[in-house]
């Protein structure tokens, strides 16, 4: 199962979400401009985080990426201004460009 493009885009009051274990892909722009989204846990079945998936989520500070994810596409976390640290596991084989562009408070990336 995948979440379609713009599935939750512009959900300005969405603060958190529980995703099903059957989720394999977060498509591009799925959570575009979800300005109140603070935390997301990508389920163990997740394999791909699409481009701009979390673009413009300035309050996003907690992201859990399972060891099943193999690709994080370009600008996936663009303008996630509150993101301070993130761990990218060994399973990730492809990292797109500008993944953390304009993440002003990002202090730690563990790869």
C-alpha atoms as a PDB file:
ATOM      1  CA  UNK A   1       0.000   0.000   0.000  1.00  0.00           C
ATOM      2  CA  UNK A   2       1.177   3.528  -0.699  1.00  0.00           C
ATOM      3  CA  UNK A   3      -0.120   6.915   0.337  1.00  0.00           C
ATOM      4  CA  UNK A   4      -0.904   8.935  -2.772  1.00  0.00           C
ATOM      5  CA  UNK A   5       0.501  12.268  -3.814  1.00  0.00           C
ATOM      6  CA  UNK A   6      -0.863  15.094  -1.609  1.00  0.00           C
ATOM      7  CA  UNK A   7      -2.925  12.599   0.475  1.00  0.00           C
ATOM      8  CA  UNK A   8      -2.648  14.707   3.627  1.00  0.00           C
ATOM      9  CA  UNK A   9      -1.313  17.933   2.101  1.00  0.00           C
ATOM     10  CA  UNK A  10      -2.470  21.167   3.696  1.00  0.00           C
ATOM     11  CA  UNK A  11      -3.857  19.387   6.793  1.00  0.00           C
ATOM     12  CA  UNK A  12      -2.851  22.378   8.850  1.00  0.00           C
ATOM     13  CA  UNK A  13      -4.054  20.962  12.215  1.00  0.00           C
ATOM     14  CA  UNK A  14      -2.639  17.407  11.864  1.00  0.00           C
ATOM     15  CA  UNK A  15      -0.180  16.856  14.738  1.00  0.00           C
ATOM     16  CA  UNK A  16       0.522  13.125  14.517  1.00  0.00           C
ATOM     17  CA  UNK A  17      -0.550  10.101  12.533  1.00  0.00           C
ATOM     18  CA  UNK A  18      -0.361   6.330  12.940  1.00  0.00           C
ATOM     19  CA  UNK A  19       0.455   4.623   9.651  1.00  0.00           C
ATOM     20  CA  UNK A  20      -0.517   1.013   8.897  1.00  0.00           C
ATOM     21  CA  UNK A  21       2.103  -1.737   8.866  1.00  0.00           C
ATOM     22  CA  UNK A  22       1.088  -2.525   5.283  1.00  0.00           C
ATOM     23  CA  UNK A  23       2.419   0.844   4.075  1.00  0.00           C
ATOM     24  CA  UNK A  24       5.277   0.402   1.632  1.00  0.00           C
ATOM     25  CA  UNK A  25       5.648   3.923   0.229  1.00  0.00           C
ATOM     26  CA  UNK A  26       5.056   7.512   1.216  1.00  0.00           C
ATOM     27  CA  UNK A  27       4.545   9.234  -2.126  1.00  0.00           C
ATOM     28  CA  UNK A  28       5.788  12.711  -3.032  1.00  0.00           C
ATOM     29  CA  UNK A  29       4.085  15.591  -1.224  1.00  0.00           C
ATOM     30  CA  UNK A  30       2.021  13.254   1.003  1.00  0.00           C
ATOM     31  CA  UNK A  31       2.364  15.526   4.048  1.00  0.00           C
ATOM     32  CA  UNK A  32       3.095  18.775   2.170  1.00  0.00           C
ATOM     33  CA  UNK A  33       2.530  21.845   4.373  1.00  0.00           C
ATOM     34  CA  UNK A  34       1.202  19.938   7.389  1.00  0.00           C
ATOM     35  CA  UNK A  35       2.300  22.819   9.563  1.00  0.00           C
ATOM     36  CA  UNK A  36       1.457  21.232  12.945  1.00  0.00           C
ATOM     37  CA  UNK A  37       2.828  17.715  12.263  1.00  0.00           C
ATOM     38  CA  UNK A  38       5.352  17.012  15.021  1.00  0.00           C
ATOM     39  CA  UNK A  39       6.098  13.312  14.865  1.00  0.00           C
ATOM     40  CA  UNK A  40       5.952  10.416  12.433  1.00  0.00           C
ATOM     41  CA  UNK A  41       6.821   6.740  12.741  1.00  0.00           C
ATOM     42  CA  UNK A  42       7.240   5.044   9.391  1.00  0.00           C
ATOM     43  CA  UNK A  43       6.102   1.422   9.802  1.00  0.00           C
ATOM     44  CA  UNK A  44       8.403  -1.552   9.346  1.00  0.00           C
ATOM     45  CA  UNK A  45       6.959  -2.291   5.899  1.00  0.00           C
ATOM     46  CA  UNK A  46       8.001   1.114   4.524  1.00  0.00           C
ATOM     47  CA  UNK A  47      10.490   1.006   1.673  1.00  0.00           C
ATOM     48  CA  UNK A  48      10.453   4.473   0.105  1.00  0.00           C
ATOM     49  CA  UNK A  49       9.997   8.066   1.216  1.00  0.00           C
ATOM     50  CA  UNK A  50       9.038  10.128  -1.809  1.00  0.00           C
ATOM     51  CA  UNK A  51      10.324  13.537  -2.819  1.00  0.00           C
ATOM     52  CA  UNK A  52       8.990  16.480  -0.856  1.00  0.00           C
ATOM     53  CA  UNK A  53       6.993  14.004   1.294  1.00  0.00           C
ATOM     54  CA  UNK A  54       7.341  16.212   4.388  1.00  0.00           C
ATOM     55  CA  UNK A  55       8.099  19.545   2.732  1.00  0.00           C
ATOM     56  CA  UNK A  56       7.001  22.526   4.768  1.00  0.00           C
ATOM     57  CA  UNK A  57       6.390  20.701   8.059  1.00  0.00           C
ATOM     58  CA  UNK A  58       8.163  23.225  10.304  1.00  0.00           C
ATOM     59  CA  UNK A  59       7.214  21.543  13.616  1.00  0.00           C
ATOM     60  CA  UNK A  60       8.338  18.053  12.613  1.00  0.00           C
ATOM     61  CA  UNK A  61      10.968  17.073  15.148  1.00  0.00           C
ATOM     62  CA  UNK A  62      10.647  13.287  15.566  1.00  0.00           C
ATOM     63  CA  UNK A  63      11.034  10.930  12.622  1.00  0.00           C
ATOM     64  CA  UNK A  64      11.494   7.189  13.005  1.00  0.00           C
ATOM     65  CA  UNK A  65      12.779   5.451   9.889  1.00  0.00           C
ATOM     66  CA  UNK A  66      12.761   1.625   9.981  1.00  0.00           C
ATOM     67  CA  UNK A  67      15.526  -0.551   8.565  1.00  0.00           C
ATOM     68  CA  UNK A  68      13.265  -1.534   5.653  1.00  0.00           C
ATOM     69  CA  UNK A  69      13.510   1.880   3.965  1.00  0.00           C
ATOM     70  CA  UNK A  70      15.837   1.729   0.966  1.00  0.00           C
ATOM     71  CA  UNK A  71      15.232   5.136  -0.643  1.00  0.00           C
ATOM     72  CA  UNK A  72      14.742   8.689   0.564  1.00  0.00           C
ATOM     73  CA  UNK A  73      13.990  10.888  -2.439  1.00  0.00           C
ATOM     74  CA  UNK A  74      14.979  14.502  -3.096  1.00  0.00           C
ATOM     75  CA  UNK A  75      13.807  17.216  -0.719  1.00  0.00           C
ATOM     76  CA  UNK A  76      11.939  14.675   1.452  1.00  0.00           C
ATOM     77  CA  UNK A  77      12.366  16.831   4.589  1.00  0.00           C
ATOM     78  CA  UNK A  78      12.741  20.234   2.900  1.00  0.00           C
ATOM     79  CA  UNK A  79      11.924  23.113   5.280  1.00  0.00           C
ATOM     80  CA  UNK A  80      11.425  20.904   8.347  1.00  0.00           C
ATOM     81  CA  UNK A  81      12.810  23.680  10.488  1.00  0.00           C
ATOM     82  CA  UNK A  82      12.360  21.940  13.866  1.00  0.00           C
ATOM     83  CA  UNK A  83      14.123  18.714  12.895  1.00  0.00           C
ATOM     84  CA  UNK A  84      17.242  18.496  15.077  1.00  0.00           C
ATOM     85  CA  UNK A  85      18.563  14.996  14.478  1.00  0.00           C
ATOM     86  CA  UNK A  86      17.857  11.981  12.331  1.00  0.00           C
ATOM     87  CA  UNK A  87      19.265   8.499  11.882  1.00  0.00           C
ATOM     88  CA  UNK A  88      19.515   7.010   8.412  1.00  0.00           C
ATOM     89  CA  UNK A  89      20.034   3.281   8.653  1.00  0.00           C
ATOM     90  CA  UNK A  90      22.292   1.073   6.573  1.00  0.00           C
ATOM     91  CA  UNK A  91      19.323  -0.225   4.570  1.00  0.00           C
ATOM     92  CA  UNK A  92      19.005   3.140   2.764  1.00  0.00           C
ATOM     93  CA  UNK A  93      20.797   2.746  -0.567  1.00  0.00           C
ATOM     94  CA  UNK A  94      19.577   5.913  -2.324  1.00  0.00           C
ATOM     95  CA  UNK A  95      19.559   9.446  -0.960  1.00  0.00           C
ATOM     96  CA  UNK A  96      18.187  12.185  -3.193  1.00  0.00           C
ATOM     97  CA  UNK A  97      19.509  15.721  -3.350  1.00  0.00           C
ATOM     98  CA  UNK A  98      18.536  18.428  -0.885  1.00  0.00           C
ATOM     99  CA  UNK A  99      16.891  16.007   1.548  1.00  0.00           C
ATOM    100  CA  UNK A 100      17.466  18.351   4.486  1.00  0.00           C
ATOM    101  CA  UNK A 101      17.488  21.680   2.649  1.00  0.00           C
ATOM    102  CA  UNK A 102      16.473  24.578   4.891  1.00  0.00           C
ATOM    103  CA  UNK A 103      16.351  22.424   8.034  1.00  0.00           C
ATOM    104  CA  UNK A 104      17.775  25.301  10.056  1.00  0.00           C
ATOM    105  CA  UNK A 105      17.983  23.462  13.395  1.00  0.00           C
ATOM    106  CA  UNK A 106      19.405  20.159  12.136  1.00  0.00           C
ATOM    107  CA  UNK A 107      22.414  19.385  14.319  1.00  0.00           C
ATOM    108  CA  UNK A 108      22.976  15.648  13.890  1.00  0.00           C
ATOM    109  CA  UNK A 109      22.663  13.165  11.033  1.00  0.00           C
ATOM    110  CA  UNK A 110      23.701   9.590  11.758  1.00  0.00           C
ATOM    111  CA  UNK A 111      24.303   7.411   8.722  1.00  0.00           C
END
